[in-house]
Amino acid sequence: MGASFSEDQAGATWYAELLENLPQTERPAPFLEIEHDFPSLEALCGWLGDPEVKTSKRQGDAREL
């Protein structure tokens, strides 16, 4: 299980993070590390294989500003 998020209001850096600290041999592809950072939501989605984007109810629509 993992999460993707941006800490910056402008969405300048996006992160993909595993929620469990698994040994490298047990991490799902494409994770080589526990956390990876990306310059845009588009880059993060491409790295994940362009999945459908869903947001939490409190965050509204996922978007880049």
N, C-alpha and C. Protein backbone atom coordinates (compact mmCIF):
# COMPACT_ATOMS: atom_id res chain seq x y z
N MET A 1 0.84 -1.17 0.00
CA MET A 1 0.00 0.00 0.00
C MET A 1 0.89 1.23 0.00
N GLY A 2 0.48 2.24 -0.71
CA GLY A 2 1.29 3.44 -0.78
C GLY A 2 0.44 4.68 -0.90
N ALA A 3 1.11 5.81 -0.97
CA ALA A 3 0.42 7.09 -1.08
C ALA A 3 1.21 8.00 -2.00
N SER A 4 0.51 8.90 -2.65
CA SER A 4 1.18 9.95 -3.40
C SER A 4 0.62 11.28 -2.93
N PHE A 5 1.48 12.28 -2.85
CA PHE A 5 1.06 13.57 -2.31
C PHE A 5 2.04 14.65 -2.69
N SER A 6 1.60 15.88 -2.52
CA SER A 6 2.46 17.05 -2.69
C SER A 6 2.37 17.87 -1.42
N GLU A 7 3.52 18.25 -0.85
CA GLU A 7 3.53 19.06 0.36
C GLU A 7 3.46 20.54 0.04
N ASP A 8 3.72 20.89 -1.19
CA ASP A 8 3.79 22.28 -1.62
C ASP A 8 2.45 22.71 -2.19
N GLN A 9 1.93 23.83 -1.79
CA GLN A 9 0.65 24.34 -2.30
C GLN A 9 0.68 24.48 -3.82
N ALA A 10 1.82 24.80 -4.38
CA ALA A 10 1.94 24.97 -5.83
C ALA A 10 2.14 23.62 -6.54
N GLY A 11 2.28 22.53 -5.78
CA GLY A 11 2.45 21.22 -6.38
C GLY A 11 3.80 21.04 -7.06
N ALA A 12 4.82 21.77 -6.59
CA ALA A 12 6.13 21.74 -7.24
C ALA A 12 6.84 20.40 -7.11
N THR A 13 6.63 19.69 -6.03
CA THR A 13 7.24 18.37 -5.84
C THR A 13 6.18 17.40 -5.40
N TRP A 14 6.09 16.27 -6.10
CA TRP A 14 5.15 15.20 -5.76
C TRP A 14 5.94 14.00 -5.27
N TYR A 15 5.35 13.24 -4.35
CA TYR A 15 6.02 12.09 -3.77
C TYR A 15 5.17 10.83 -3.92
N ALA A 16 5.85 9.71 -4.13
CA ALA A 16 5.23 8.39 -4.07
C ALA A 16 5.93 7.69 -2.91
N GLU A 17 5.14 7.18 -1.98
CA GLU A 17 5.71 6.64 -0.75
C GLU A 17 5.03 5.34 -0.38
N LEU A 18 5.83 4.33 -0.05
CA LEU A 18 5.29 3.09 0.50
C LEU A 18 4.91 3.34 1.96
N LEU A 19 3.82 2.77 2.39
CA LEU A 19 3.38 2.98 3.77
C LEU A 19 4.02 2.00 4.74
N GLU A 20 4.71 0.99 4.20
CA GLU A 20 5.45 0.05 5.03
C GLU A 20 6.92 0.11 4.66
N ASN A 21 7.78 0.00 5.64
CA ASN A 21 9.22 0.02 5.40
C ASN A 21 9.69 -1.40 5.06
N LEU A 22 9.40 -1.82 3.83
CA LEU A 22 9.75 -3.17 3.40
C LEU A 22 11.20 -3.26 2.96
N PRO A 23 11.83 -4.45 3.14
CA PRO A 23 13.16 -4.64 2.58
C PRO A 23 13.10 -4.45 1.06
N GLN A 24 14.19 -4.01 0.45
CA GLN A 24 14.19 -3.71 -0.98
C GLN A 24 13.71 -4.90 -1.82
N THR A 25 14.03 -6.10 -1.43
CA THR A 25 13.62 -7.29 -2.21
C THR A 25 12.12 -7.55 -2.15
N GLU A 26 11.41 -6.95 -1.20
CA GLU A 26 9.97 -7.17 -1.06
C GLU A 26 9.12 -5.99 -1.53
N ARG A 27 9.76 -4.92 -2.01
CA ARG A 27 9.02 -3.74 -2.46
C ARG A 27 8.37 -4.00 -3.82
N PRO A 28 7.14 -3.53 -4.00
CA PRO A 28 6.50 -3.70 -5.30
C PRO A 28 7.15 -2.80 -6.35
N ALA A 29 7.14 -3.26 -7.59
CA ALA A 29 7.65 -2.42 -8.68
C ALA A 29 6.74 -1.22 -8.82
N PRO A 30 7.24 -0.09 -9.14
CA PRO A 30 8.62 0.27 -9.50
C PRO A 30 9.43 0.83 -8.34
N PHE A 31 9.04 0.57 -7.10
CA PHE A 31 9.72 1.15 -5.94
C PHE A 31 11.08 0.50 -5.69
N LEU A 32 12.13 1.31 -5.80
CA LEU A 32 13.46 0.88 -5.40
C LEU A 32 13.79 1.41 -4.01
N GLU A 33 13.14 2.51 -3.64
CA GLU A 33 13.29 3.15 -2.34
C GLU A 33 11.91 3.23 -1.69
N ILE A 34 11.85 3.62 -0.42
CA ILE A 34 10.57 3.79 0.27
C ILE A 34 9.84 5.00 -0.29
N GLU A 35 10.58 6.05 -0.65
CA GLU A 35 9.98 7.28 -1.16
C GLU A 35 10.72 7.75 -2.40
N HIS A 36 9.96 8.19 -3.40
CA HIS A 36 10.51 8.77 -4.63
C HIS A 36 9.86 10.13 -4.82
N ASP A 37 10.60 11.10 -5.35
CA ASP A 37 10.01 12.41 -5.61
C ASP A 37 10.03 12.72 -7.10
N PHE A 38 9.07 13.55 -7.52
CA PHE A 38 8.86 13.87 -8.93
C PHE A 38 8.56 15.35 -9.08
N PRO A 39 8.91 15.94 -10.23
CA PRO A 39 8.67 17.37 -10.43
C PRO A 39 7.22 17.71 -10.76
N SER A 40 6.39 16.71 -11.06
CA SER A 40 5.00 16.98 -11.42
C SER A 40 4.14 15.74 -11.16
N LEU A 41 2.84 15.97 -11.06
CA LEU A 41 1.89 14.86 -10.92
C LEU A 41 1.94 13.99 -12.17
N GLU A 42 2.09 14.60 -13.33
CA GLU A 42 2.17 13.84 -14.58
C GLU A 42 3.36 12.88 -14.57
N ALA A 43 4.52 13.35 -14.11
CA ALA A 43 5.72 12.50 -14.04
C ALA A 43 5.51 11.35 -13.07
N LEU A 44 4.91 11.62 -11.92
CA LEU A 44 4.63 10.57 -10.94
C LEU A 44 3.69 9.53 -11.53
N CYS A 45 2.62 9.97 -12.18
CA CYS A 45 1.66 9.03 -12.78
C CYS A 45 2.31 8.20 -13.87
N GLY A 46 3.17 8.82 -14.68
CA GLY A 46 3.88 8.07 -15.71
C GLY A 46 4.76 6.99 -15.12
N TRP A 47 5.44 7.29 -14.03
CA TRP A 47 6.30 6.33 -13.35
C TRP A 47 5.49 5.16 -12.82
N LEU A 48 4.25 5.43 -12.39
CA LEU A 48 3.38 4.38 -11.87
C LEU A 48 2.60 3.65 -12.96
N GLY A 49 2.80 4.02 -14.23
CA GLY A 49 2.11 3.35 -15.32
C GLY A 49 0.79 3.99 -15.69
N ASP A 50 0.65 5.28 -15.41
CA ASP A 50 -0.56 6.06 -15.74
C ASP A 50 -1.86 5.47 -15.17
N PRO A 51 -1.90 5.29 -13.85
CA PRO A 51 -3.13 4.77 -13.24
C PRO A 51 -4.22 5.84 -13.20
N GLU A 52 -5.45 5.41 -12.93
CA GLU A 52 -6.54 6.35 -12.71
C GLU A 52 -6.25 7.13 -11.44
N VAL A 53 -6.42 8.44 -11.47
CA VAL A 53 -6.14 9.28 -10.31
C VAL A 53 -7.42 9.46 -9.50
N LYS A 54 -7.33 9.13 -8.22
CA LYS A 54 -8.44 9.35 -7.29
C LYS A 54 -7.93 10.24 -6.17
N THR A 55 -8.80 11.06 -5.63
CA THR A 55 -8.41 11.97 -4.55
C THR A 55 -9.19 11.65 -3.29
N SER A 56 -8.67 12.12 -2.17
CA SER A 56 -9.42 12.00 -0.93
C SER A 56 -10.55 13.02 -0.99
N LYS A 57 -11.61 12.76 -0.27
CA LYS A 57 -12.77 13.66 -0.28
C LYS A 57 -12.41 15.06 0.20
N ARG A 58 -11.47 15.18 1.10
CA ARG A 58 -11.14 16.50 1.65
C ARG A 58 -10.21 17.30 0.74
N GLN A 59 -9.60 16.66 -0.25
CA GLN A 59 -8.63 17.35 -1.09
C GLN A 59 -9.21 17.86 -2.41
N GLY A 60 -10.37 17.40 -2.82
CA GLY A 60 -10.92 17.85 -4.09
C GLY A 60 -10.26 17.22 -5.26
N ASP A 61 -10.23 17.88 -6.39
CA ASP A 61 -9.66 17.32 -7.62
C ASP A 61 -8.14 17.35 -7.58
N ALA A 62 -7.52 16.28 -8.05
CA ALA A 62 -6.06 16.25 -8.21
C ALA A 62 -5.73 17.10 -9.42
N ARG A 63 -4.74 17.96 -9.27
CA ARG A 63 -4.36 18.81 -10.38
C ARG A 63 -3.02 19.42 -10.14
N GLU A 64 -2.42 19.89 -11.19
CA GLU A 64 -1.17 20.64 -11.09
C GLU A 64 -1.53 22.11 -11.26
N LEU A 65 -0.88 22.96 -10.50
CA LEU A 65 -1.13 24.40 -10.60
C LEU A 65 -0.04 25.06 -11.39
